[in-house]
N, C-alpha and C. Protein backbone atom coordinates (compact mmCIF):
# COMPACT_ATOMS: atom_id res chain seq x y z
N MET A 1 108.77 105.12 98.32
CA MET A 1 108.28 106.22 98.59
C MET A 1 108.67 107.53 97.97
N GLN A 2 110.00 107.51 97.39
CA GLN A 2 110.55 108.38 96.99
C GLN A 2 110.13 109.31 95.65
N GLU A 3 109.73 107.67 95.19
CA GLU A 3 109.34 108.18 93.55
C GLU A 3 107.62 108.37 93.46
N ILE A 4 107.20 108.24 94.43
CA ILE A 4 105.44 108.28 94.99
C ILE A 4 105.48 109.81 94.97
N GLN A 5 106.38 110.32 95.95
CA GLN A 5 106.55 111.76 96.44
C GLN A 5 106.96 112.51 95.20
N ARG A 6 107.68 112.11 94.29
CA ARG A 6 107.99 113.06 92.86
C ARG A 6 107.33 113.01 92.04
N LEU A 7 106.66 111.88 91.84
CA LEU A 7 105.30 111.94 91.21
C LEU A 7 103.96 112.59 91.59
N LEU A 8 103.88 113.08 92.98
CA LEU A 8 102.57 113.83 93.60
C LEU A 8 103.04 115.47 93.20
N ALA A 9 104.45 115.67 93.44
CA ALA A 9 105.05 116.81 93.38
C ALA A 9 105.12 117.74 91.78
N ALA A 10 104.97 116.36 91.01
CA ALA A 10 105.31 116.95 89.57
C ALA A 10 104.30 117.72 89.03
N ARG A 11 104.45 118.86 88.25
CA ARG A 11 103.57 119.77 87.61
C ARG A 11 103.79 120.17 85.88
N PRO A 12 103.04 119.64 85.41
CA PRO A 12 101.66 119.12 85.62
C PRO A 12 101.25 117.85 86.24
N PHE A 13 100.59 117.26 87.25
CA PHE A 13 100.29 116.20 87.61
C PHE A 13 100.01 115.27 86.43
N GLU A 14 100.89 113.94 86.56
CA GLU A 14 100.40 113.34 85.54
C GLU A 14 100.01 111.98 86.16
N PRO A 15 98.93 111.44 86.13
CA PRO A 15 98.30 110.02 86.60
C PRO A 15 99.08 108.80 86.79
N PHE A 16 99.08 107.99 87.56
CA PHE A 16 99.85 106.92 87.39
C PHE A 16 99.14 105.61 88.10
N ARG A 17 99.70 104.49 87.79
CA ARG A 17 99.36 103.32 88.51
C ARG A 17 100.55 102.36 89.33
N ILE A 18 99.80 102.23 90.43
CA ILE A 18 100.61 101.46 91.48
C ILE A 18 100.19 100.00 91.14
N PHE A 19 101.25 99.04 91.15
CA PHE A 19 101.19 97.61 91.22
C PHE A 19 101.58 97.08 92.22
N VAL A 20 101.10 96.23 93.19
CA VAL A 20 101.43 95.51 94.32
C VAL A 20 101.56 94.12 94.16
N ALA A 21 102.23 93.27 95.13
CA ALA A 21 102.61 91.75 95.41
C ALA A 21 101.52 90.85 95.18
N ASP A 22 100.46 91.35 95.09
CA ASP A 22 99.36 90.25 94.87
C ASP A 22 98.60 90.47 93.78
N GLY A 23 99.03 91.37 92.73
CA GLY A 23 98.67 90.89 91.29
C GLY A 23 97.54 92.50 91.20
N ASN A 24 97.30 92.92 92.24
CA ASN A 24 95.99 94.07 92.16
C ASN A 24 96.95 95.35 91.70
N THR A 25 96.34 96.27 91.13
CA THR A 25 96.67 97.60 90.37
C THR A 25 95.81 98.83 90.95
N TYR A 26 96.20 99.87 91.33
CA TYR A 26 95.94 101.19 92.11
C TYR A 26 96.11 102.35 91.06
N ASP A 27 94.86 102.81 90.28
CA ASP A 27 95.31 103.75 89.66
C ASP A 27 95.11 105.55 90.20
N VAL A 28 95.95 106.00 90.31
CA VAL A 28 95.86 107.75 90.80
C VAL A 28 95.83 108.91 90.39
N ARG A 29 94.57 108.90 89.97
CA ARG A 29 94.46 110.03 88.76
C ARG A 29 94.19 111.37 89.34
N HIS A 30 94.47 111.74 90.64
CA HIS A 30 94.68 112.81 90.90
C HIS A 30 95.31 113.06 92.28
N PRO A 31 96.42 114.03 92.70
CA PRO A 31 97.22 114.06 93.61
C PRO A 31 96.04 113.80 94.90
N GLU A 32 95.03 114.15 95.08
CA GLU A 32 94.01 114.49 96.25
C GLU A 32 93.86 113.05 96.68
N ASN A 33 93.87 111.94 95.77
CA ASN A 33 93.41 110.80 95.93
C ASN A 33 94.28 109.85 96.36
N ILE A 34 95.23 110.56 97.01
CA ILE A 34 96.31 109.43 97.54
C ILE A 34 97.05 110.15 98.82
N ALA A 35 97.45 109.45 99.96
CA ALA A 35 98.04 110.33 101.37
C ALA A 35 98.88 109.15 101.40
N LEU A 36 100.54 109.71 101.92
CA LEU A 36 101.15 109.11 102.49
C LEU A 36 101.53 108.99 104.10
N GLY A 37 102.24 108.00 104.66
CA GLY A 37 101.83 108.35 106.16
C GLY A 37 102.64 107.25 106.85
N GLY A 38 102.40 106.87 107.95
CA GLY A 38 102.95 105.83 108.49
C GLY A 38 104.32 105.89 108.44
N LYS A 39 105.38 107.04 108.85
CA LYS A 39 106.95 107.23 108.76
C LYS A 39 107.37 106.67 107.58
N GLY A 40 106.52 107.02 106.56
CA GLY A 40 106.76 106.66 105.12
C GLY A 40 106.59 105.37 104.54
N ARG A 41 105.84 104.51 105.55
CA ARG A 41 105.89 103.17 104.85
C ARG A 41 104.21 102.51 104.28
N LEU A 42 103.33 103.59 104.63
CA LEU A 42 102.05 103.40 104.43
C LEU A 42 101.70 104.31 103.18
N VAL A 43 100.75 103.67 102.44
CA VAL A 43 100.09 104.61 101.29
C VAL A 43 98.64 104.54 101.28
N ALA A 44 97.80 105.90 101.28
CA ALA A 44 96.38 105.12 101.30
C ALA A 44 95.86 105.67 100.12
N ILE A 45 95.10 105.12 99.04
CA ILE A 45 94.69 105.24 97.82
C ILE A 45 93.20 105.60 97.96
N GLY A 46 92.58 106.59 97.34
CA GLY A 46 91.08 106.61 97.70
C GLY A 46 90.69 106.28 96.04
N LEU A 47 89.28 105.43 96.69
CA LEU A 47 88.83 104.68 95.26
C LEU A 47 87.64 105.35 95.01
N ASP A 48 86.48 104.53 94.22
CA ASP A 48 85.04 105.62 93.94
C ASP A 48 84.51 105.66 95.30
N ASP A 49 84.35 104.55 96.12
CA ASP A 49 83.52 104.61 97.28
C ASP A 49 84.29 104.17 98.63
N SER A 50 85.52 103.97 98.64
CA SER A 50 86.11 103.79 99.47
C SER A 50 87.43 103.95 99.65
N PHE A 51 88.53 103.32 100.28
CA PHE A 51 89.86 103.34 99.91
C PHE A 51 90.72 102.18 100.41
N VAL A 52 91.75 102.23 100.23
CA VAL A 52 92.69 101.05 100.41
C VAL A 52 94.21 101.51 101.01
N THR A 53 94.60 100.59 102.32
CA THR A 53 95.88 101.48 102.72
C THR A 53 96.83 100.29 102.27
N LEU A 54 98.11 100.38 101.76
CA LEU A 54 99.19 99.63 101.45
C LEU A 54 100.13 100.04 102.39
N ASP A 55 101.16 98.99 102.47
CA ASP A 55 102.19 98.73 102.91
C ASP A 55 103.25 99.12 101.96
N LEU A 56 104.18 100.01 101.75
CA LEU A 56 105.07 100.22 100.32
C LEU A 56 105.99 99.42 100.36
N LEU A 57 106.14 98.34 101.01
CA LEU A 57 107.01 97.24 101.07
C LEU A 57 106.18 96.21 100.05
N LEU A 58 105.01 96.40 99.96
CA LEU A 58 104.41 95.47 98.81
C LEU A 58 103.87 96.31 97.68
N VAL A 59 104.57 97.44 97.43
CA VAL A 59 104.37 97.47 95.95
C VAL A 59 105.74 97.49 95.21
N THR A 60 105.56 96.72 93.63
CA THR A 60 106.07 96.03 93.10
C THR A 60 106.42 96.78 91.81
N GLY A 61 105.80 98.05 91.59
CA GLY A 61 105.91 98.71 90.34
C GLY A 61 105.20 99.99 90.19
N ILE A 62 105.56 101.10 89.29
CA ILE A 62 104.54 101.84 89.25
C ILE A 62 105.09 102.45 87.62
N GLN A 63 103.56 102.55 87.03
CA GLN A 63 103.29 102.62 85.75
C GLN A 63 102.70 104.01 85.39
N ARG A 64 103.47 104.55 84.40
CA ARG A 64 103.08 105.88 84.04
C ARG A 64 103.49 106.27 82.60
N PRO A 65 102.75 106.87 81.60
CA PRO A 65 101.72 107.28 81.70
C PRO A 65 100.55 105.99 81.81
N ILE A 66 99.42 105.99 82.55
CA ILE A 66 98.27 104.69 82.48
C ILE A 66 97.45 105.21 81.04
N PRO A 67 97.26 104.14 81.18
CA PRO A 67 96.02 103.59 79.64
C PRO A 67 95.16 104.64 79.93
N ARG A 68 94.65 105.32 79.16
CA ARG A 68 93.05 106.07 79.15
C ARG A 68 91.90 105.22 79.30
N ARG A 69 90.90 105.35 80.11
CA ARG A 69 90.10 104.55 80.25
C ARG A 69 89.28 104.27 79.19
N GLN A 70 88.82 102.94 79.13
CA GLN A 70 88.14 102.56 77.80
C GLN A 70 86.63 102.80 78.19
N GLY A 71 85.75 102.46 77.00
CA GLY A 71 84.69 102.66 77.06
C GLY A 71 83.60 104.24 77.13
N ARG A 72 84.54 105.18 77.30
CA ARG A 72 84.11 106.24 77.45
C ARG A 72 83.56 106.90 75.87
N MET A 73 82.27 107.59 75.91
CA MET A 73 81.95 107.83 74.64
C MET A 73 82.55 109.40 74.69
N ARG A 74 82.82 109.88 73.39
CA ARG A 74 83.37 111.11 73.20
C ARG A 74 82.20 111.89 72.27
N ARG A 75 82.18 113.33 72.92
CA ARG A 75 81.05 114.20 72.05
C ARG A 75 81.87 114.86 71.04
N SER A 76 81.49 114.68 69.88
CA SER A 76 81.65 115.70 68.59
C SER A 76 81.28 116.97 68.75
N ALA A 77 81.89 118.12 68.46
CA ALA A 77 81.11 119.15 68.42
C ALA A 77 80.77 119.84 66.98
């Protein structure tokens, strides 16, 4: 929890990835996409069209920086 709070407070914000015990990962690309609650045990992460709520006891790691998204076309000026 303290590490996530530290990452959210960092300026400038740097996106990070949360790893959980079932092998899933969740990217936090903006500080408004995550909320902490439940007396410090729960984290809600906003996804494209939904959200996931995790118990922080299931978090196994945090990665930063996260790799850039693949497949994005870049415009040349």
